Protein backbone atom coordinates (compact mmCIF):
# COMPACT_ATOMS: atom_id res chain seq x y z
CA MET A 1 0.00 0.00 0.00
CA LYS A 2 2.83 2.41 0.85
CA LYS A 3 4.41 1.84 -2.56
CA TYR A 4 1.08 2.61 -4.22
CA VAL A 5 0.63 5.87 -2.28
CA ILE A 6 4.20 6.95 -3.02
CA THR A 7 3.79 6.14 -6.72
CA VAL A 8 0.55 8.12 -6.96
CA LEU A 9 2.12 11.04 -5.09
CA MET A 10 5.13 11.09 -7.42
CA LEU A 11 2.82 10.98 -10.44
CA VAL A 12 0.77 13.93 -9.17
CA ILE A 13 3.92 15.95 -8.43
CA GLY A 14 5.31 15.12 -11.86
CA LEU A 15 2.14 16.18 -13.64
CA SER A 16 1.82 19.44 -11.73
CA THR A 17 5.42 20.31 -12.50
CA ALA A 18 4.93 19.47 -16.17
CA ILE A 19 2.17 22.03 -16.59
CA ALA A 20 3.50 24.63 -14.16
CA GLN A 21 3.89 28.14 -15.50
CA ASP A 22 7.60 28.89 -15.70
CA TRP A 23 7.72 32.57 -14.77
CA GLN A 24 11.07 34.30 -15.10
CA THR A 25 11.89 37.16 -12.76
CA ASP A 26 15.22 38.25 -14.24
CA PHE A 27 15.13 40.24 -17.48
CA THR A 28 18.65 39.18 -18.53
CA GLU A 29 17.80 35.51 -18.13
CA ALA A 30 14.49 35.99 -19.95
CA LYS A 31 16.27 37.64 -22.88
CA GLU A 32 18.80 34.79 -23.05
CA LEU A 33 16.01 32.21 -23.05
CA ALA A 34 14.11 34.16 -25.69
CA LYS A 35 17.18 34.25 -27.93
CA THR A 36 17.99 30.58 -27.37
CA HIS A 37 14.44 29.40 -28.10
CA ASN A 38 13.54 32.14 -30.60
CA LEU A 39 10.45 33.14 -28.58
CA PRO A 40 8.90 36.48 -27.65
CA ILE A 41 8.90 37.71 -24.07
CA VAL A 42 5.60 38.47 -22.35
CA LEU A 43 6.39 40.89 -19.51
CA VAL A 44 3.63 41.19 -16.93
CA PHE A 45 3.54 44.05 -14.42
CA GLN A 46 1.26 43.15 -11.56
CA GLY A 47 0.35 43.86 -7.98
CA SER A 48 -0.34 40.28 -6.97
CA ASP A 49 -1.78 41.04 -3.54
CA TRP A 50 -3.65 44.32 -4.04
CA CYS A 51 -4.60 44.85 -7.70
CA ALA A 52 -8.05 43.36 -8.39
CA PRO A 53 -7.68 43.34 -12.21
CA CYS A 54 -4.23 41.71 -11.80
CA ILE A 55 -5.74 38.96 -9.69
CA LYS A 56 -8.58 38.50 -12.20
CA LEU A 57 -6.09 38.27 -15.09
CA ASP A 58 -4.08 35.69 -13.17
CA ARG A 59 -7.14 33.58 -12.41
CA SER A 60 -8.82 33.87 -15.79
CA VAL A 61 -5.74 33.58 -18.02
CA TRP A 62 -2.25 33.03 -16.55
CA SER A 63 -3.27 30.22 -14.16
CA THR A 64 -5.39 28.25 -16.61
CA ASP A 65 -4.10 24.98 -18.02
CA GLU A 66 -4.96 26.18 -21.52
CA PHE A 67 -2.71 29.23 -21.23
CA LYS A 68 0.09 27.41 -19.39
CA GLU A 69 0.27 24.69 -22.01
CA TYR A 70 0.34 27.19 -24.87
CA ALA A 71 2.81 29.55 -23.19
CA MET A 72 5.25 26.74 -22.46
CA ASP A 73 6.08 26.43 -26.18
CA HIS A 74 5.32 29.96 -27.42
CA TYR A 75 6.44 32.58 -24.87
CA ILE A 76 9.03 33.41 -22.28
CA MET A 77 6.94 34.67 -19.38
CA LEU A 78 8.54 37.43 -17.29
CA GLN A 79 6.92 38.71 -14.12
CA ALA A 80 7.48 42.10 -12.49
CA ASP A 81 5.43 41.94 -9.31
CA PHE A 82 4.85 44.84 -6.94
CA PRO A 83 3.14 43.37 -3.86
CA ARG A 84 2.19 45.74 -1.03
CA ARG A 85 1.60 43.42 1.92
CA LYS A 86 4.57 42.97 4.21
CA LYS A 87 4.24 39.18 4.19
CA ASN A 88 4.57 39.17 0.37
CA ALA A 89 7.47 41.62 0.20
CA LEU A 90 10.08 40.83 -2.42
CA PRO A 91 13.80 40.76 -1.68
CA VAL A 92 15.28 44.23 -2.25
CA VAL A 93 17.36 42.97 -5.18
CA GLN A 94 14.23 41.68 -6.96
CA LEU A 95 12.24 44.81 -6.16
CA ASN A 96 15.01 46.94 -7.67
CA LYS A 97 15.07 44.77 -10.83
CA ASN A 98 11.31 45.24 -11.15
CA LYS A 99 11.64 49.00 -10.68
CA VAL A 100 14.21 49.16 -13.49
CA LEU A 101 11.80 47.28 -15.78
CA ALA A 102 8.98 49.64 -14.79
CA GLU A 103 11.13 52.70 -15.56
CA LYS A 104 11.71 51.41 -19.07
CA TYR A 105 8.46 49.64 -19.95
CA ASN A 106 5.73 50.91 -17.61
CA ARG A 107 6.38 54.59 -16.92
CA GLN A 108 2.67 55.28 -16.35
CA GLY A 109 2.50 52.71 -13.55
CA ILE A 110 -0.44 50.79 -15.03
CA PHE A 111 -1.47 47.54 -13.33
CA PRO A 112 -1.80 45.03 -14.78
CA PHE A 113 0.28 45.93 -17.79
CA VAL A 114 1.43 43.36 -20.34
CA VAL A 115 4.26 44.05 -22.76
CA VAL A 116 5.10 41.71 -25.62
CA MET A 117 8.66 42.13 -26.90
CA ASN A 118 11.46 40.40 -28.72
CA ALA A 119 14.66 39.04 -27.18
CA ASP A 120 16.36 42.42 -27.59
CA GLY A 121 13.63 44.25 -25.66
CA LYS A 122 11.97 45.81 -28.72
CA VAL A 123 8.29 46.20 -27.88
CA TYR A 124 5.80 44.56 -30.23
CA GLY A 125 2.69 45.62 -28.36
CA GLU A 126 1.05 46.36 -25.01
CA THR A 127 -2.20 45.38 -23.37
CA SER A 128 -3.79 45.05 -19.97
CA TYR A 129 -6.66 43.21 -18.32
CA LYS A 130 -9.50 42.41 -20.67
CA LYS A 131 -12.37 40.08 -19.96
CA LEU A 132 -11.21 37.46 -22.46
CA SER A 133 -10.93 33.69 -22.42
CA PRO A 134 -7.41 32.24 -22.40
CA LYS A 135 -7.77 31.46 -26.12
CA GLU A 136 -8.83 35.05 -26.87
CA TYR A 137 -6.00 36.46 -24.73
CA ILE A 138 -3.48 34.28 -26.56
CA ALA A 139 -4.83 35.65 -29.86
CA GLU A 140 -4.45 39.20 -28.49
CA LEU A 141 -0.81 38.55 -27.51
CA ASN A 142 -0.06 36.86 -30.83
CA SER A 143 -1.51 39.78 -32.77
CA PHE A 144 1.47 41.88 -31.63
CA ILE A 145 4.15 39.44 -32.75
CA LYS A 146 5.60 40.17 -36.17
């Protein structure tokens, strides 16, 4: 019985890791991955613990299996989070990296704000929260890519 439980547990862990969204948090690493795999970068500015539209976008698009599966082969996902609650505070180094990204790509401080760019940081297009299905949001992101 123990072997059965362990086997099932390992299978569940393996499956959840296989479809997990691989969010990058370092722009340099994201650009390297984008170059290596010839994929666009989708940079998401969000306030994960205070921004209602950010939370809605996460629940309705980013966290869905449909989006995760598509993104795995089509995008390098880069997250610039700006949480406000003390318990969710980012390390200072990460916060500073996110601020640098915001200075360059989100000067207006819009949340959520989604930037689609190439591996060199050239912006293809920008969007935000829209009440769209994952399939429709994917189409929106793909409409920017040249």
